[in-house]
Amino acid sequence: MTLAWLWWALLLVGLGAAGWGWVRYFRDGRRLGAFVLGTFGALAALVAGGFLALEHGHPGVLQGTGLAALVILVAGNVLGYPALTVILLWSGVTVLRRESRSLGNALALLGGATLVVLPAALRWLEPTGVVRDDAEYLIRYGLHLAATLFVGYFGFCFSVFLVASLLYRWRPVRLTPEAVVVLGAGLVNEQVPPLLAGRLDQGWEAQRRYGAPLLITSGGQGDDEPVPEGRAMRDYLIDRGAEPDRVIAETASRNTAENLELSRALLSDPHAPVLVVTSSYHVFRAALLTRQLGMRAHVIGSSTAWYFLPSAVIREFIGILRDQLRFHAAAVGAILTVSVMAVAFVAAMTAPQ
């Protein structure tokens, strides 16, 4: 019995999902769900089209798809995994030598160390020998399955985050901003540090390029800061020639979400288009937050030292997981449920009759 009807159904569903998802994503690069839907839809349509072509005596599409998938898989494991491990370890050591020794700055080193021990840990958890119904085998089977699914899930999420981040950064600015908002990043001895100076320079240049009437410097006063960041940022710009009446300081915010919310309150219209400036590694998370807040915004980034990027990117990924905690908690619960059900199935199949 031919399965053509199934492949036709999958092809139509895949094309519909790809079209709907990609149209929504290209209209607004902050729609992460639309990006994932469009990608899966396109892959489903490609596979279905390959099987339909195979049924008509044309195996090339399916063979090409399989070969491409195999090349990506092999390249990722043989080349990508070791390269990523080395980059993370190198970056982690470098950032700890050049910057403060904090947990945030150690994330690249911790990530590299995790990738070093991960294969051995999965092999150690993997049950060996003939399938059995004793407790030790079933526990190892369940733990190994859950760990493998967790690695696959969060690896997939991280890949989506990286690709979507890069695609967003390449999007052109398609709005005329009423204001340019520069997000704070902390002061050092009352002074604007290089990372924050890069944001401010980029924001001032953007104000002139797009003709925005306002430049908002956003940042409150931390426990270890003698003055609010927003005020120090405004002073930095005025000292370099910015017009004082076109620079407004927002000085009450404590995090990125408050940076955006309190800066929006300074606009003549809360729905006015704004251009947000932050560091390159922080662009995509800030963009997702502007969408959650219902802002008409585009986010651009200033350059960041290469050695700092891996730890910063990992920190941003963790931040996005936290921002979408309910969704990822549900995914973790689903993985645990699948693992328990698989263990129960194996126990039932191997139990003495």
C-alpha atoms as a PDB file:
ATOM      1  CA  MET A   1       0.000   0.000   0.000  1.00  0.00           C
ATOM      2  CA  THR A   2       1.444   3.336  -1.049  1.00  0.00           C
ATOM      3  CA  LEU A   3       2.059   6.041   1.518  1.00  0.00           C
ATOM      4  CA  ALA A   4       1.731   8.836  -1.027  1.00  0.00           C
ATOM      5  CA  TRP A   5      -1.263  10.304   0.782  1.00  0.00           C
ATOM      6  CA  LEU A   6       0.801  10.600   3.969  1.00  0.00           C
ATOM      7  CA  TRP A   7       3.680  12.332   2.195  1.00  0.00           C
ATOM      8  CA  TRP A   8       1.287  14.686   0.400  1.00  0.00           C
ATOM      9  CA  ALA A   9      -0.338  15.572   3.727  1.00  0.00           C
ATOM     10  CA  LEU A  10       3.057  16.157   5.351  1.00  0.00           C
ATOM     11  CA  LEU A  11       4.185  18.221   2.357  1.00  0.00           C
ATOM     12  CA  LEU A  12       1.128  20.478   2.512  1.00  0.00           C
ATOM     13  CA  VAL A  13       1.300  20.875   6.291  1.00  0.00           C
ATOM     14  CA  GLY A  14       5.050  21.550   6.104  1.00  0.00           C
ATOM     15  CA  LEU A  15       4.676  24.149   3.365  1.00  0.00           C
ATOM     16  CA  GLY A  16       1.850  25.840   5.270  1.00  0.00           C
ATOM     17  CA  ALA A  17       3.847  25.915   8.497  1.00  0.00           C
ATOM     18  CA  ALA A  18       6.979  27.130   6.704  1.00  0.00           C
ATOM     19  CA  GLY A  19       5.099  29.868   4.882  1.00  0.00           C
ATOM     20  CA  TRP A  20       3.186  31.071   7.930  1.00  0.00           C
ATOM     21  CA  GLY A  21       6.241  30.900  10.190  1.00  0.00           C
ATOM     22  CA  TRP A  22       8.729  32.540   7.854  1.00  0.00           C
ATOM     23  CA  VAL A  23       6.362  35.336   6.814  1.00  0.00           C
ATOM     24  CA  ARG A  24       5.758  36.219  10.461  1.00  0.00           C
ATOM     25  CA  TYR A  25       9.466  35.927  11.243  1.00  0.00           C
ATOM     26  CA  PHE A  26      10.597  38.137   8.359  1.00  0.00           C
ATOM     27  CA  ARG A  27       8.053  40.754   9.369  1.00  0.00           C
ATOM     28  CA  ASP A  28       9.372  40.753  12.924  1.00  0.00           C
ATOM     29  CA  GLY A  29      12.718  39.102  13.683  1.00  0.00           C
ATOM     30  CA  ARG A  30      11.812  38.989  17.374  1.00  0.00           C
ATOM     31  CA  ARG A  31       9.323  36.126  16.824  1.00  0.00           C
ATOM     32  CA  LEU A  32      11.424  33.177  17.962  1.00  0.00           C
ATOM     33  CA  GLY A  33       8.494  30.734  17.801  1.00  0.00           C
ATOM     34  CA  ALA A  34       7.801  31.710  14.188  1.00  0.00           C
ATOM     35  CA  PHE A  35      11.450  31.072  13.330  1.00  0.00           C
ATOM     36  CA  VAL A  36      11.315  27.556  14.815  1.00  0.00           C
ATOM     37  CA  LEU A  37       7.976  26.778  13.149  1.00  0.00           C
ATOM     38  CA  GLY A  38       9.200  27.987   9.760  1.00  0.00           C
ATOM     39  CA  THR A  39      12.371  25.920  10.019  1.00  0.00           C
ATOM     40  CA  PHE A  40      10.588  22.703  11.035  1.00  0.00           C
ATOM     41  CA  GLY A  41       7.936  23.256   8.389  1.00  0.00           C
ATOM     42  CA  ALA A  42      10.558  23.636   5.675  1.00  0.00           C
ATOM     43  CA  LEU A  43      12.387  20.493   6.831  1.00  0.00           C
ATOM     44  CA  ALA A  44       9.138  18.484   6.921  1.00  0.00           C
ATOM     45  CA  ALA A  45       8.229  19.660   3.419  1.00  0.00           C
ATOM     46  CA  LEU A  46      11.695  18.769   2.150  1.00  0.00           C
ATOM     47  CA  VAL A  47      11.521  15.232   3.571  1.00  0.00           C
ATOM     48  CA  ALA A  48       7.975  14.683   2.287  1.00  0.00           C
ATOM     49  CA  GLY A  49       8.946  15.960  -1.147  1.00  0.00           C
ATOM     50  CA  GLY A  50      11.912  13.598  -1.156  1.00  0.00           C
ATOM     51  CA  PHE A  51       9.726  10.547  -0.442  1.00  0.00           C
ATOM     52  CA  LEU A  52       7.196  11.610  -3.069  1.00  0.00           C
ATOM     53  CA  ALA A  53       9.979  11.951  -5.628  1.00  0.00           C
ATOM     54  CA  LEU A  54      11.276   8.526  -4.581  1.00  0.00           C
ATOM     55  CA  GLU A  55       7.877   6.928  -5.219  1.00  0.00           C
ATOM     56  CA  HIS A  56       8.019   8.345  -8.755  1.00  0.00           C
ATOM     57  CA  GLY A  57      11.491   6.929  -9.373  1.00  0.00           C
ATOM     58  CA  HIS A  58      13.543  10.014  -8.547  1.00  0.00           C
ATOM     59  CA  PRO A  59      15.652   9.232  -5.439  1.00  0.00           C
ATOM     60  CA  GLY A  60      17.993  12.194  -5.849  1.00  0.00           C
ATOM     61  CA  VAL A  61      16.072  14.580  -3.574  1.00  0.00           C
ATOM     62  CA  LEU A  62      15.923  12.139  -0.672  1.00  0.00           C
ATOM     63  CA  GLN A  63      19.515  11.044  -1.169  1.00  0.00           C
ATOM     64  CA  GLY A  64      20.700  14.643  -1.269  1.00  0.00           C
ATOM     65  CA  THR A  65      18.759  15.486   1.884  1.00  0.00           C
ATOM     66  CA  GLY A  66      20.129  12.449   3.698  1.00  0.00           C
ATOM     67  CA  LEU A  67      23.676  13.181   2.570  1.00  0.00           C
ATOM     68  CA  ALA A  68      23.414  16.814   3.711  1.00  0.00           C
ATOM     69  CA  ALA A  69      22.078  15.715   7.099  1.00  0.00           C
ATOM     70  CA  LEU A  70      24.885  13.155   7.431  1.00  0.00           C
ATOM     71  CA  VAL A  71      27.554  15.716   6.532  1.00  0.00           C
ATOM     72  CA  ILE A  72      26.164  18.200   9.065  1.00  0.00           C
ATOM     73  CA  LEU A  73      25.993  15.513  11.763  1.00  0.00           C
ATOM     74  CA  VAL A  74      29.516  14.231  11.135  1.00  0.00           C
ATOM     75  CA  ALA A  75      31.000  17.719  10.801  1.00  0.00           C
ATOM     76  CA  GLY A  76      29.275  18.830  13.979  1.00  0.00           C
ATOM     77  CA  ASN A  77      30.575  15.909  16.018  1.00  0.00           C
ATOM     78  CA  VAL A  78      34.014  15.416  14.465  1.00  0.00           C
ATOM     79  CA  LEU A  79      34.922  19.072  13.890  1.00  0.00           C
ATOM     80  CA  GLY A  80      32.393  21.343  15.571  1.00  0.00           C
ATOM     81  CA  TYR A  81      32.302  19.718  19.017  1.00  0.00           C
ATOM     82  CA  PRO A  82      36.089  19.700  19.573  1.00  0.00           C
ATOM     83  CA  ALA A  83      36.441  23.196  18.094  1.00  0.00           C
ATOM     84  CA  LEU A  84      33.717  24.572  20.354  1.00  0.00           C
ATOM     85  CA  THR A  85      35.329  22.912  23.377  1.00  0.00           C
ATOM     86  CA  VAL A  86      38.725  24.453  22.615  1.00  0.00           C
ATOM     87  CA  ILE A  87      37.225  27.896  21.959  1.00  0.00           C
ATOM     88  CA  LEU A  88      35.290  27.851  25.232  1.00  0.00           C
ATOM     89  CA  LEU A  89      38.300  26.744  27.286  1.00  0.00           C
ATOM     90  CA  TRP A  90      40.592  29.296  25.619  1.00  0.00           C
ATOM     91  CA  SER A  91      38.083  32.090  26.026  1.00  0.00           C
ATOM     92  CA  GLY A  92      37.315  31.083  29.611  1.00  0.00           C
ATOM     93  CA  VAL A  93      40.954  31.210  30.671  1.00  0.00           C
ATOM     94  CA  THR A  94      41.522  34.497  28.825  1.00  0.00           C
ATOM     95  CA  VAL A  95      38.510  36.307  30.256  1.00  0.00           C
ATOM     96  CA  LEU A  96      39.420  35.277  33.814  1.00  0.00           C
ATOM     97  CA  ARG A  97      42.946  36.586  33.276  1.00  0.00           C
ATOM     98  CA  ARG A  98      41.793  39.941  31.851  1.00  0.00           C
ATOM     99  CA  GLU A  99      38.532  40.564  33.703  1.00  0.00           C
ATOM    100  CA  SER A 100      37.197  40.071  37.218  1.00  0.00           C
ATOM    101  CA  ARG A 101      36.930  36.506  38.479  1.00  0.00           C
ATOM    102  CA  SER A 102      33.181  36.100  38.742  1.00  0.00           C
ATOM    103  CA  LEU A 103      30.729  33.329  37.958  1.00  0.00           C
ATOM    104  CA  GLY A 104      29.464  35.208  34.912  1.00  0.00           C
ATOM    105  CA  ASN A 105      32.970  35.507  33.488  1.00  0.00           C
ATOM    106  CA  ALA A 106      33.667  31.838  34.221  1.00  0.00           C
ATOM    107  CA  LEU A 107      30.749  30.526  32.151  1.00  0.00           C
ATOM    108  CA  ALA A 108      32.861  29.836  29.056  1.00  0.00           C
ATOM    109  CA  LEU A 109      35.382  27.851  31.099  1.00  0.00           C
ATOM    110  CA  LEU A 110      32.594  25.912  32.815  1.00  0.00           C
ATOM    111  CA  GLY A 111      30.958  25.243  29.448  1.00  0.00           C
ATOM    112  CA  GLY A 112      34.199  23.963  27.950  1.00  0.00           C
ATOM    113  CA  ALA A 113      34.844  21.714  30.943  1.00  0.00           C
ATOM    114  CA  THR A 114      31.300  20.353  30.654  1.00  0.00           C
ATOM    115  CA  LEU A 115      31.848  19.483  26.993  1.00  0.00           C
ATOM    116  CA  VAL A 116      35.074  17.681  27.935  1.00  0.00           C
ATOM    117  CA  VAL A 117      33.399  15.359  30.461  1.00  0.00           C
ATOM    118  CA  LEU A 118      29.986  15.038  28.776  1.00  0.00           C
ATOM    119  CA  PRO A 119      30.768  12.121  26.387  1.00  0.00           C
ATOM    120  CA  ALA A 120      32.376  10.105  29.178  1.00  0.00           C
ATOM    121  CA  ALA A 121      29.472  10.858  31.522  1.00  0.00           C
ATOM    122  CA  LEU A 122      26.916   9.652  28.967  1.00  0.00           C
ATOM    123  CA  ARG A 123      28.920   6.477  28.322  1.00  0.00           C
ATOM    124  CA  TRP A 124      29.128   5.841  32.081  1.00  0.00           C
ATOM    125  CA  LEU A 125      25.356   6.174  32.457  1.00  0.00           C
ATOM    126  CA  GLU A 126      24.603   3.931  29.479  1.00  0.00           C
ATOM    127  CA  PRO A 127      23.377   0.470  30.589  1.00  0.00           C
ATOM    128  CA  THR A 128      25.443  -2.437  29.347  1.00  0.00           C
ATOM    129  CA  GLY A 129      24.711  -6.030  28.508  1.00  0.00           C
ATOM    130  CA  VAL A 130      21.393  -7.689  27.727  1.00  0.00           C
ATOM    131  CA  VAL A 131      18.203  -5.802  28.549  1.00  0.00           C
ATOM    132  CA  ARG A 132      17.104  -6.782  32.045  1.00  0.00           C
ATOM    133  CA  ASP A 133      14.319  -5.952  34.449  1.00  0.00           C
ATOM    134  CA  ASP A 134      16.469  -5.471  37.563  1.00  0.00           C
ATOM    135  CA  ALA A 135      16.485  -2.083  39.305  1.00  0.00           C
ATOM    136  CA  GLU A 136      20.085  -1.180  38.480  1.00  0.00           C
ATOM    137  CA  TYR A 137      19.598  -1.656  34.745  1.00  0.00           C
ATOM    138  CA  LEU A 138      16.284   0.217  34.673  1.00  0.00           C
ATOM    139  CA  ILE A 139      17.648   3.165  36.679  1.00  0.00           C
ATOM    140  CA  ARG A 140      20.695   3.489  34.416  1.00  0.00           C
ATOM    141  CA  TYR A 141      18.464   3.167  31.359  1.00  0.00           C
ATOM    142  CA  GLY A 142      16.172   5.941  32.573  1.00  0.00           C
ATOM    143  CA  LEU A 143      19.004   8.255  33.606  1.00  0.00           C
ATOM    144  CA  HIS A 144      20.864   7.734  30.340  1.00  0.00           C
ATOM    145  CA  LEU A 145      17.746   8.370  28.262  1.00  0.00           C
ATOM    146  CA  ALA A 146      16.827  11.497  30.248  1.00  0.00           C
ATOM    147  CA  ALA A 147      20.394  12.859  30.087  1.00  0.00           C
ATOM    148  CA  THR A 148      20.575  12.244  26.330  1.00  0.00           C
ATOM    149  CA  LEU A 149      17.236  13.967  25.756  1.00  0.00           C
ATOM    150  CA  PHE A 150      18.272  16.913  27.962  1.00  0.00           C
ATOM    151  CA  VAL A 151      21.525  17.342  26.028  1.00  0.00           C
ATOM    152  CA  GLY A 152      19.667  17.155  22.731  1.00  0.00           C
ATOM    153  CA  TYR A 153      16.959  19.583  23.813  1.00  0.00           C
ATOM    154  CA  PHE A 154      19.205  22.276  25.252  1.00  0.00           C
ATOM    155  CA  GLY A 155      21.702  21.814  22.425  1.00  0.00           C
ATOM    156  CA  PHE A 156      18.858  22.425  19.975  1.00  0.00           C
ATOM    157  CA  CYS A 157      17.676  25.475  21.943  1.00  0.00           C
ATOM    158  CA  PHE A 158      21.201  26.903  21.979  1.00  0.00           C
ATOM    159  CA  SER A 159      21.569  26.342  18.227  1.00  0.00           C
ATOM    160  CA  VAL A 160      18.258  28.113  17.569  1.00  0.00           C
ATOM    161  CA  PHE A 161      19.352  30.965  19.830  1.00  0.00           C
ATOM    162  CA  LEU A 162      22.671  31.397  17.990  1.00  0.00           C
ATOM    163  CA  VAL A 163      21.183  31.279  14.490  1.00  0.00           C
ATOM    164  CA  ALA A 164      18.258  33.558  15.350  1.00  0.00           C
ATOM    165  CA  SER A 165      20.638  36.002  17.076  1.00  0.00           C
ATOM    166  CA  LEU A 166      22.860  36.243  14.011  1.00  0.00           C
ATOM    167  CA  LEU A 167      19.909  36.638  11.640  1.00  0.00           C
ATOM    168  CA  TYR A 168      18.462  39.407  13.805  1.00  0.00           C
ATOM    169  CA  ARG A 169      21.753  41.297  13.894  1.00  0.00           C
ATOM    170  CA  TRP A 170      21.836  41.267  10.086  1.00  0.00           C
ATOM    171  CA  ARG A 171      18.348  42.753   9.784  1.00  0.00           C
ATOM    172  CA  PRO A 172      18.320  46.336   8.500  1.00  0.00           C
ATOM    173  CA  VAL A 173      16.706  49.068  10.584  1.00  0.00           C
ATOM    174  CA  ARG A 174      13.255  49.692   9.069  1.00  0.00           C
ATOM    175  CA  LEU A 175      11.904  52.383  11.361  1.00  0.00           C
ATOM    176  CA  THR A 176      12.471  56.070  11.939  1.00  0.00           C
ATOM    177  CA  PRO A 177      13.079  56.304  15.692  1.00  0.00           C
ATOM    178  CA  GLU A 178      11.684  59.000  17.914  1.00  0.00           C
ATOM    179  CA  ALA A 179      14.449  58.205  20.373  1.00  0.00           C
ATOM    180  CA  VAL A 180      17.623  56.201  20.726  1.00  0.00           C
ATOM    181  CA  VAL A 181      17.825  54.324  24.047  1.00  0.00           C
ATOM    182  CA  VAL A 182      21.281  53.270  25.288  1.00  0.00           C
ATOM    183  CA  LEU A 183      21.180  50.517  27.906  1.00  0.00           C
ATOM    184  CA  GLY A 184      23.485  50.764  30.916  1.00  0.00           C
ATOM    185  CA  ALA A 185      26.218  48.261  31.737  1.00  0.00           C
ATOM    186  CA  GLY A 186      27.740  49.343  35.031  1.00  0.00           C
ATOM    187  CA  LEU A 187      30.296  51.973  36.053  1.00  0.00           C
ATOM    188  CA  VAL A 188      33.878  51.502  37.230  1.00  0.00           C
ATOM    189  CA  ASN A 189      35.053  54.049  39.824  1.00  0.00           C
ATOM    190  CA  GLU A 190      32.340  56.514  38.736  1.00  0.00           C
ATOM    191  CA  GLN A 191      33.688  56.319  35.183  1.00  0.00           C
ATOM    192  CA  VAL A 192      32.185  54.907  32.009  1.00  0.00           C
ATOM    193  CA  PRO A 193      34.150  51.706  31.185  1.00  0.00           C
ATOM    194  CA  PRO A 194      35.118  50.759  27.601  1.00  0.00           C
ATOM    195  CA  LEU A 195      32.190  48.372  27.076  1.00  0.00           C
ATOM    196  CA  LEU A 196      29.645  51.034  28.074  1.00  0.00           C
ATOM    197  CA  ALA A 197      31.542  53.700  26.130  1.00  0.00           C
ATOM    198  CA  GLY A 198      31.143  51.566  23.022  1.00  0.00           C
ATOM    199  CA  ARG A 199      27.369  51.532  23.527  1.00  0.00           C
ATOM    200  CA  LEU A 200      27.254  55.292  24.055  1.00  0.00           C
ATOM    201  CA  ASP A 201      29.387  56.068  21.005  1.00  0.00           C
ATOM    202  CA  GLN A 202      27.173  53.788  18.909  1.00  0.00           C
ATOM    203  CA  GLY A 203      24.034  55.451  20.305  1.00  0.00           C
ATOM    204  CA  TRP A 204      25.267  58.967  19.577  1.00  0.00           C
ATOM    205  CA  GLU A 205      26.233  57.967  16.040  1.00  0.00           C
ATOM    206  CA  ALA A 206      22.805  56.344  15.552  1.00  0.00           C
ATOM    207  CA  GLN A 207      21.028  59.493  16.778  1.00  0.00           C
ATOM    208  CA  ARG A 208      22.810  61.526  14.123  1.00  0.00           C
ATOM    209  CA  ARG A 209      22.368  58.911  11.396  1.00  0.00           C
ATOM    210  CA  TYR A 210      18.601  58.494  11.881  1.00  0.00           C
ATOM    211  CA  GLY A 211      17.836  62.039  13.010  1.00  0.00           C
ATOM    212  CA  ALA A 212      16.275  60.975  16.330  1.00  0.00           C
ATOM    213  CA  PRO A 213      15.276  63.997  18.440  1.00  0.00           C
ATOM    214  CA  LEU A 214      16.130  62.265  21.741  1.00  0.00           C
ATOM    215  CA  LEU A 215      18.943  60.149  23.105  1.00  0.00           C
ATOM    216  CA  ILE A 216      18.021  58.403  26.369  1.00  0.00           C
ATOM    217  CA  THR A 217      20.775  57.055  28.609  1.00  0.00           C
ATOM    218  CA  SER A 218      19.252  54.370  30.823  1.00  0.00           C
ATOM    219  CA  GLY A 219      20.651  52.957  34.044  1.00  0.00           C
ATOM    220  CA  GLY A 220      20.005  53.193  37.769  1.00  0.00           C
ATOM    221  CA  GLN A 221      22.398  53.327  40.686  1.00  0.00           C
ATOM    222  CA  GLY A 222      23.849  50.038  41.898  1.00  0.00           C
ATOM    223  CA  ASP A 223      24.897  49.365  45.486  1.00  0.00           C
ATOM    224  CA  ASP A 224      28.556  49.843  44.546  1.00  0.00           C
ATOM    225  CA  GLU A 225      28.005  52.913  42.349  1.00  0.00           C
ATOM    226  CA  PRO A 226      28.206  56.485  43.761  1.00  0.00           C
ATOM    227  CA  VAL A 227      26.055  57.942  40.948  1.00  0.00           C
ATOM    228  CA  PRO A 228      23.307  56.549  38.694  1.00  0.00           C
ATOM    229  CA  GLU A 229      24.580  55.046  35.450  1.00  0.00           C
ATOM    230  CA  GLY A 230      22.189  57.105  33.359  1.00  0.00           C
ATOM    231  CA  ARG A 231      23.600  60.360  34.714  1.00  0.00           C
ATOM    232  CA  ALA A 232      27.228  59.307  34.172  1.00  0.00           C
ATOM    233  CA  MET A 233      26.338  58.148  30.655  1.00  0.00           C
ATOM    234  CA  ARG A 234      24.697  61.497  29.863  1.00  0.00           C
ATOM    235  CA  ASP A 235      27.748  63.371  31.187  1.00  0.00           C
ATOM    236  CA  TYR A 236      30.010  61.214  29.007  1.00  0.00           C
ATOM    237  CA  LEU A 237      28.075  62.155  25.871  1.00  0.00           C
ATOM    238  CA  ILE A 238      27.866  65.862  26.699  1.00  0.00           C
ATOM    239  CA  ASP A 239      31.620  65.969  27.387  1.00  0.00           C
ATOM    240  CA  ARG A 240      32.125  64.651  23.855  1.00  0.00           C
ATOM    241  CA  GLY A 241      29.903  67.203  22.200  1.00  0.00           C
ATOM    242  CA  ALA A 242      26.332  65.903  22.370  1.00  0.00           C
ATOM    243  CA  GLU A 243      23.630  68.580  22.681  1.00  0.00           C
ATOM    244  CA  PRO A 244      22.479  68.645  26.344  1.00  0.00           C
ATOM    245  CA  ASP A 245      18.828  69.323  25.504  1.00  0.00           C
ATOM    246  CA  ARG A 246      18.691  66.228  23.290  1.00  0.00           C
ATOM    247  CA  VAL A 247      20.076  63.804  25.915  1.00  0.00           C
ATOM    248  CA  ILE A 248      17.822  62.600  28.741  1.00  0.00           C
ATOM    249  CA  ALA A 249      18.968  60.386  31.618  1.00  0.00           C
ATOM    250  CA  GLU A 250      16.775  57.614  33.018  1.00  0.00           C
ATOM    251  CA  THR A 251      18.196  56.837  36.464  1.00  0.00           C
ATOM    252  CA  ALA A 252      15.818  54.438  38.257  1.00  0.00           C
ATOM    253  CA  SER A 253      16.111  51.132  36.348  1.00  0.00           C
ATOM    254  CA  ARG A 254      17.775  48.032  37.814  1.00  0.00           C
ATOM    255  CA  ASN A 255      17.721  45.593  34.881  1.00  0.00           C
ATOM    256  CA  THR A 256      17.175  45.461  31.121  1.00  0.00           C
ATOM    257  CA  ALA A 257      13.390  45.177  31.328  1.00  0.00           C
ATOM    258  CA  GLU A 258      13.229  48.266  33.559  1.00  0.00           C
ATOM    259  CA  ASN A 259      15.696  50.072  31.258  1.00  0.00           C
ATOM    260  CA  LEU A 260      13.188  49.648  28.457  1.00  0.00           C
ATOM    261  CA  GLU A 261      10.002  50.279  30.442  1.00  0.00           C
ATOM    262  CA  LEU A 262      11.229  53.427  32.201  1.00  0.00           C
ATOM    263  CA  SER A 263      12.815  54.798  29.034  1.00  0.00           C
ATOM    264  CA  ARG A 264       9.544  54.291  27.180  1.00  0.00           C
ATOM    265  CA  ALA A 265       7.810  56.376  29.862  1.00  0.00           C
ATOM    266  CA  LEU A 266       9.954  59.331  28.782  1.00  0.00           C
ATOM    267  CA  LEU A 267       8.575  59.270  25.227  1.00  0.00           C
ATOM    268  CA  SER A 268       5.711  61.427  24.014  1.00  0.00           C
ATOM    269  CA  ASP A 269       3.889  58.249  22.948  1.00  0.00           C
ATOM    270  CA  PRO A 270       4.538  54.802  24.518  1.00  0.00           C
ATOM    271  CA  HIS A 271       4.067  53.253  21.073  1.00  0.00           C
ATOM    272  CA  ALA A 272       6.567  55.556  19.372  1.00  0.00           C
ATOM    273  CA  PRO A 273       9.328  53.734  17.448  1.00  0.00           C
ATOM    274  CA  VAL A 274      12.684  53.538  19.232  1.00  0.00           C
ATOM    275  CA  LEU A 275      16.158  52.330  18.426  1.00  0.00           C
ATOM    276  CA  VAL A 276      17.792  50.488  21.333  1.00  0.00           C
ATOM    277  CA  VAL A 277      21.580  50.258  21.611  1.00  0.00           C
ATOM    278  CA  THR A 278      23.393  47.642  23.661  1.00  0.00           C
ATOM    279  CA  SER A 279      26.428  45.373  23.278  1.00  0.00           C
ATOM    280  CA  SER A 280      26.523  42.878  20.414  1.00  0.00           C
ATOM    281  CA  TYR A 281      26.055  39.818  22.618  1.00  0.00           C
ATOM    282  CA  HIS A 282      22.997  41.364  24.308  1.00  0.00           C
ATOM    283  CA  VAL A 283      21.122  42.408  21.162  1.00  0.00           C
ATOM    284  CA  PHE A 284      18.800  39.452  20.710  1.00  0.00           C
ATOM    285  CA  ARG A 285      17.683  39.121  24.319  1.00  0.00           C
ATOM    286  CA  ALA A 286      16.999  42.857  24.476  1.00  0.00           C
ATOM    287  CA  ALA A 287      15.013  42.536  21.233  1.00  0.00           C
ATOM    288  CA  LEU A 288      12.914  39.709  22.698  1.00  0.00           C
ATOM    289  CA  LEU A 289      12.213  41.852  25.750  1.00  0.00           C
ATOM    290  CA  THR A 290      11.063  44.794  23.592  1.00  0.00           C
ATOM    291  CA  ARG A 291       8.553  42.469  21.945  1.00  0.00           C
ATOM    292  CA  GLN A 292       7.308  41.155  25.303  1.00  0.00           C
ATOM    293  CA  LEU A 293       6.783  44.762  26.381  1.00  0.00           C
ATOM    294  CA  GLY A 294       4.882  45.570  23.177  1.00  0.00           C
ATOM    295  CA  MET A 295       7.429  48.137  21.987  1.00  0.00           C
ATOM    296  CA  ARG A 296       7.971  49.236  18.400  1.00  0.00           C
ATOM    297  CA  ALA A 297      11.715  48.826  18.559  1.00  0.00           C
ATOM    298  CA  HIS A 298      14.803  47.673  16.772  1.00  0.00           C
ATOM    299  CA  VAL A 299      17.959  46.765  18.694  1.00  0.00           C
ATOM    300  CA  ILE A 300      21.510  47.232  17.457  1.00  0.00           C
ATOM    301  CA  GLY A 301      24.809  46.389  19.143  1.00  0.00           C
ATOM    302  CA  SER A 302      28.276  47.801  19.665  1.00  0.00           C
ATOM    303  CA  SER A 303      31.334  45.607  19.234  1.00  0.00           C
ATOM    304  CA  THR A 304      32.615  43.449  22.108  1.00  0.00           C
ATOM    305  CA  ALA A 305      36.088  42.087  22.805  1.00  0.00           C
ATOM    306  CA  TRP A 306      36.389  38.630  21.213  1.00  0.00           C
ATOM    307  CA  TYR A 307      37.542  36.857  24.372  1.00  0.00           C
ATOM    308  CA  PHE A 308      34.514  38.130  26.301  1.00  0.00           C
ATOM    309  CA  LEU A 309      31.904  36.913  23.803  1.00  0.00           C
ATOM    310  CA  PRO A 310      31.582  33.178  24.689  1.00  0.00           C
ATOM    311  CA  SER A 311      30.868  33.777  28.389  1.00  0.00           C
ATOM    312  CA  ALA A 312      28.566  36.668  27.523  1.00  0.00           C
ATOM    313  CA  VAL A 313      26.654  34.626  24.930  1.00  0.00           C
ATOM    314  CA  ILE A 314      26.183  31.745  27.389  1.00  0.00           C
ATOM    315  CA  ARG A 315      24.934  34.220  30.009  1.00  0.00           C
ATOM    316  CA  GLU A 316      22.458  35.644  27.509  1.00  0.00           C
ATOM    317  CA  PHE A 317      21.217  32.153  26.637  1.00  0.00           C
ATOM    318  CA  ILE A 318      20.659  31.390  30.317  1.00  0.00           C
ATOM    319  CA  GLY A 319      18.819  34.700  30.596  1.00  0.00           C
ATOM    320  CA  ILE A 320      16.484  33.782  27.740  1.00  0.00           C
ATOM    321  CA  LEU A 321      15.806  30.390  29.339  1.00  0.00           C
ATOM    322  CA  ARG A 322      14.890  32.228  32.545  1.00  0.00           C
ATOM    323  CA  ASP A 323      12.687  34.699  30.665  1.00  0.00           C
ATOM    324  CA  GLN A 324      10.761  31.741  29.166  1.00  0.00           C
ATOM    325  CA  LEU A 325      10.936  29.577  32.270  1.00  0.00           C
ATOM    326  CA  ARG A 326       7.422  28.123  32.058  1.00  0.00           C
ATOM    327  CA  PHE A 327       7.897  26.827  28.526  1.00  0.00           C
ATOM    328  CA  HIS A 328      11.259  25.208  29.244  1.00  0.00           C
ATOM    329  CA  ALA A 329      10.044  23.813  32.568  1.00  0.00           C
ATOM    330  CA  ALA A 330       7.204  22.139  30.654  1.00  0.00           C
ATOM    331  CA  ALA A 331       9.729  20.720  28.179  1.00  0.00           C
ATOM    332  CA  VAL A 332      11.848  19.351  31.041  1.00  0.00           C
ATOM    333  CA  GLY A 333       8.731  17.799  32.553  1.00  0.00           C
ATOM    334  CA  ALA A 334       7.883  16.189  29.206  1.00  0.00           C
ATOM    335  CA  ILE A 335      11.382  14.725  28.936  1.00  0.00           C
ATOM    336  CA  LEU A 336      11.154  13.265  32.447  1.00  0.00           C
ATOM    337  CA  THR A 337       7.709  11.840  31.648  1.00  0.00           C
ATOM    338  CA  VAL A 338       8.973  10.208  28.456  1.00  0.00           C
ATOM    339  CA  SER A 339      11.932   8.729  30.340  1.00  0.00           C
ATOM    340  CA  VAL A 340       9.718   7.273  33.079  1.00  0.00           C
ATOM    341  CA  MET A 341       7.320   5.838  30.484  1.00  0.00           C
ATOM    342  CA  ALA A 342      10.224   4.284  28.585  1.00  0.00           C
ATOM    343  CA  VAL A 343      11.520   2.667  31.785  1.00  0.00           C
ATOM    344  CA  ALA A 344       8.035   1.333  32.566  1.00  0.00           C
ATOM    345  CA  PHE A 345       7.757  -0.074  29.026  1.00  0.00           C
ATOM    346  CA  VAL A 346      11.138  -1.824  29.246  1.00  0.00           C
ATOM    347  CA  ALA A 347      10.234  -3.225  32.679  1.00  0.00           C
ATOM    348  CA  ALA A 348       6.935  -4.551  31.352  1.00  0.00           C
ATOM    349  CA  MET A 349       8.537  -6.128  28.279  1.00  0.00           C
ATOM    350  CA  THR A 350      11.299  -7.853  30.243  1.00  0.00           C
ATOM    351  CA  ALA A 351       9.258  -8.983  33.266  1.00  0.00           C
ATOM    352  CA  PRO A 352       8.789 -12.766  33.612  1.00  0.00           C
ATOM    353  CA  GLN A 353       5.460 -13.893  32.180  1.00  0.00           C
END
